C-alpha atoms as a PDB file:
ATOM      1  CA  MET A   1     -69.119  94.998  96.295  1.00  0.00           C
ATOM      2  CA  CYS A   2     -69.743  92.171  93.913  1.00  0.00           C
ATOM      3  CA  GLY A   3     -70.362  88.977  95.885  1.00  0.00           C
ATOM      4  CA  PHE A   4     -70.650  86.697  92.848  1.00  0.00           C
ATOM      5  CA  SER A   5     -67.946  84.356  91.605  1.00  0.00           C
ATOM      6  CA  LYS A   6     -67.603  82.217  88.495  1.00  0.00           C
ATOM      7  CA  PRO A   7     -69.296  78.810  88.680  1.00  0.00           C
ATOM      8  CA  LYS A   8     -66.994  75.814  88.804  1.00  0.00           C
ATOM      9  CA  ILE A   9     -67.418  73.767  85.643  1.00  0.00           C
ATOM     10  CA  SER A  10     -66.011  70.257  85.427  1.00  0.00           C
ATOM     11  CA  THR A  11     -64.772  68.894  82.119  1.00  0.00           C
ATOM     12  CA  PRO A  12     -67.189  66.482  80.402  1.00  0.00           C
ATOM     13  CA  PRO A  13     -66.134  62.896  79.689  1.00  0.00           C
ATOM     14  CA  PRO A  14     -64.733  62.222  76.209  1.00  0.00           C
ATOM     15  CA  VAL A  15     -67.252  61.311  73.502  1.00  0.00           C
ATOM     16  CA  GLN A  16     -67.105  57.761  72.168  1.00  0.00           C
ATOM     17  CA  ALA A  17     -67.039  57.370  68.400  1.00  0.00           C
ATOM     18  CA  ALA A  18     -69.892  55.474  66.765  1.00  0.00           C
ATOM     19  CA  PRO A  19     -68.973  52.045  65.369  1.00  0.00           C
ATOM     20  CA  GLN A  20     -68.235  52.135  61.643  1.00  0.00           C
ATOM     21  CA  GLU A  21     -68.525  48.427  60.840  1.00  0.00           C
ATOM     22  CA  GLN A  22     -71.850  46.902  59.851  1.00  0.00           C
ATOM     23  CA  ASP A  23     -72.832  43.302  59.439  1.00  0.00           C
ATOM     24  CA  GLU A  24     -73.296  42.018  55.877  1.00  0.00           C
ATOM     25  CA  VAL A  25     -76.788  40.724  56.716  1.00  0.00           C
ATOM     26  CA  VAL A  26     -77.866  44.113  58.066  1.00  0.00           C
ATOM     27  CA  THR A  27     -76.694  46.045  55.023  1.00  0.00           C
ATOM     28  CA  SER A  28     -78.214  43.579  52.560  1.00  0.00           C
ATOM     29  CA  SER A  29     -81.587  43.590  54.322  1.00  0.00           C
ATOM     30  CA  ARG A  30     -81.560  47.402  54.445  1.00  0.00           C
ATOM     31  CA  ASP A  31     -80.786  47.584  50.725  1.00  0.00           C
ATOM     32  CA  GLU A  32     -83.520  45.048  49.960  1.00  0.00           C
ATOM     33  CA  GLU A  33     -86.059  47.032  51.985  1.00  0.00           C
ATOM     34  CA  MET A  34     -85.126  50.279  50.219  1.00  0.00           C
ATOM     35  CA  ARG A  35     -85.425  48.578  46.808  1.00  0.00           C
ATOM     36  CA  ARG A  36     -88.829  47.156  47.737  1.00  0.00           C
ATOM     37  CA  ARG A  37     -90.103  50.558  48.887  1.00  0.00           C
ATOM     38  CA  ARG A  38     -88.864  52.265  45.714  1.00  0.00           C
ATOM     39  CA  ALA A  39     -90.641  49.658  43.601  1.00  0.00           C
ATOM     40  CA  ALA A  40     -93.882  50.044  45.566  1.00  0.00           C
ATOM     41  CA  SER A  41     -93.884  53.823  45.303  1.00  0.00           C
ATOM     42  CA  GLY A  42     -94.164  53.816  41.541  1.00  0.00           C
ATOM     43  CA  ARG A  43     -96.742  55.783  39.592  1.00  0.00           C
ATOM     44  CA  LYS A  44     -99.307  53.002  39.279  1.00  0.00           C
ATOM     45  CA  SER A  45     -99.467  52.354  43.022  1.00  0.00           C
ATOM     46  CA  THR A  46    -101.327  55.647  43.554  1.00  0.00           C
ATOM     47  CA  MET A  47    -103.745  55.551  40.600  1.00  0.00           C
ATOM     48  CA  LEU A  48    -107.247  54.670  41.733  1.00  0.00           C
ATOM     49  CA  THR A  49    -109.009  54.959  38.360  1.00  0.00           C
ATOM     50  CA  GLY A  50    -108.144  54.196  34.780  1.00  0.00           C
ATOM     51  CA  SER A  51    -107.714  56.595  31.868  1.00  0.00           C
ATOM     52  CA  GLN A  52    -111.521  56.945  31.501  1.00  0.00           C
ATOM     53  CA  GLY A  53    -111.916  58.162  35.087  1.00  0.00           C
ATOM     54  CA  ALA A  54    -114.712  57.009  37.367  1.00  0.00           C
ATOM     55  CA  THR A  55    -117.410  55.585  35.069  1.00  0.00           C
ATOM     56  CA  GLY A  56    -119.971  54.627  37.743  1.00  0.00           C
ATOM     57  CA  ALA A  57    -122.843  56.815  38.963  1.00  0.00           C
ATOM     58  CA  ALA A  58    -121.898  59.413  41.506  1.00  0.00           C
ATOM     59  CA  SER A  59    -123.259  58.800  44.995  1.00  0.00           C
ATOM     60  CA  THR A  60    -124.822  62.191  45.688  1.00  0.00           C
ATOM     61  CA  SER A  61    -127.946  63.056  47.604  1.00  0.00           C
ATOM     62  CA  GLY A  62    -130.027  66.137  48.291  1.00  0.00           C
ATOM     63  CA  LYS A  63    -129.372  68.705  50.948  1.00  0.00           C
ATOM     64  CA  THR A  64    -129.541  67.529  54.536  1.00  0.00           C
ATOM     65  CA  LEU A  65    -130.121  69.409  57.738  1.00  0.00           C
ATOM     66  CA  LEU A  66    -127.639  68.307  60.389  1.00  0.00           C
ATOM     67  CA  GLY A  67    -127.297  64.851  58.878  1.00  0.00           C
ATOM     68  CA  GLN A  68    -131.043  64.040  58.760  1.00  0.00           C
END
């Protein structure tokens, strides 16, 4: 009564291993880039004001109606 059969599945090709060797120039430039990014992401690179805060006058205006 059952007219279905199992599908025919072929075996996949073998997976090639990724190369493990890296060039000295590539690894040194990667390390240099990582060191440069770590140095740039220090605490002072994100501070926009000093310890006193913003000392200038605030740029505020009155209420506006739809930008007029």
